[in-house]
Amino acid sequence: MRFNPKISIVTVVYNAKSFIEQTIKSVISQSYTNIEFIIIDGGSDDGTLELAEKYQSQIALILSGKDNGIYDAMNKGLKDATGDYVLFLNAGDELYDRDTLTTVFTSLPNADVYYGNSAVVNQQGIILGDRRLSPPAHLDWKSLKYGMCVSHQSFIARRLLCDYYNLNYAIAADIDWVINVLKQSDKTVNTNIYISKFLEGGMSQRNKLTAWMERFRIMSKHYGFFQTLWNHIYILFRYVFHRATKKSMT
């Protein structure tokens, strides 16, 4: 029997009229059709909602109203999702090509998590390259001890394993969420494809110090304080080396 699970794709958006359409088009143009597309709008006043409503017939749910931040909005989407699997794409993010989900679900049936690579794009949609961290050959909850080695936008999880995002974290709750999902997962599959294109300059990039502090708290909770401290020394040296190498190549 052909493996044909329903996937809920959740997009949270606030005042992103310039980017929301490319995300919508990347979802509704998929060759894979068993998709429940949910858009959670934070009460946009720039025309974002009106633009999304142009595609109402191809979107399962558009919910608009004030929220308490991005993770509260994601929780709203998760609450309304009915799919077998869940994927979060922010406004400006895209599925890599029209056959992405078809390829994902033909890689190996009944996984708890499917994951893959991500390409970084600028506001013009031009691919700038890969993320600095690449996904490992085998992903489990310990894989994230040195950082977010898999992009949130390229992480497809079985919905029944997905708890709500912890609203005590304002910027890095996605790391905590991914670790929690992986702790409950028995079977993870590296699709070995690019699953998403994600827009550079996300919230964690704009608030680097706060993001690092939150990540340290999250990793200490999961891996222990002293192990996390040692890991962050390694992460710091790796980051400095990456920046120096990148500059030397330009």
Foldseek 3Di string as FASTA:
>chain_A
DAFQWAEEEEEEDAQPLLFQVQAVCQVLLAPRDNYAYEYEYQAHDNCNVVVVVVCVVSHNYYHYHHADADLRSVLVSLVPDDTQKYAYAYGNKHFPHRHLVVLQCVQDHDFQKEFEWEFEAESVRDTPGTDPAAADQDDALVVDLLHDNTDSRGIMGGSVQFDGFDPVQRAASSNLRVSSSRVVGDGYHYSHDHGMYHYPDDPCNVVVVSNVVVVLVSSCVVPNNVSSVVSVVVSVVVVVVVVVVVVVVD
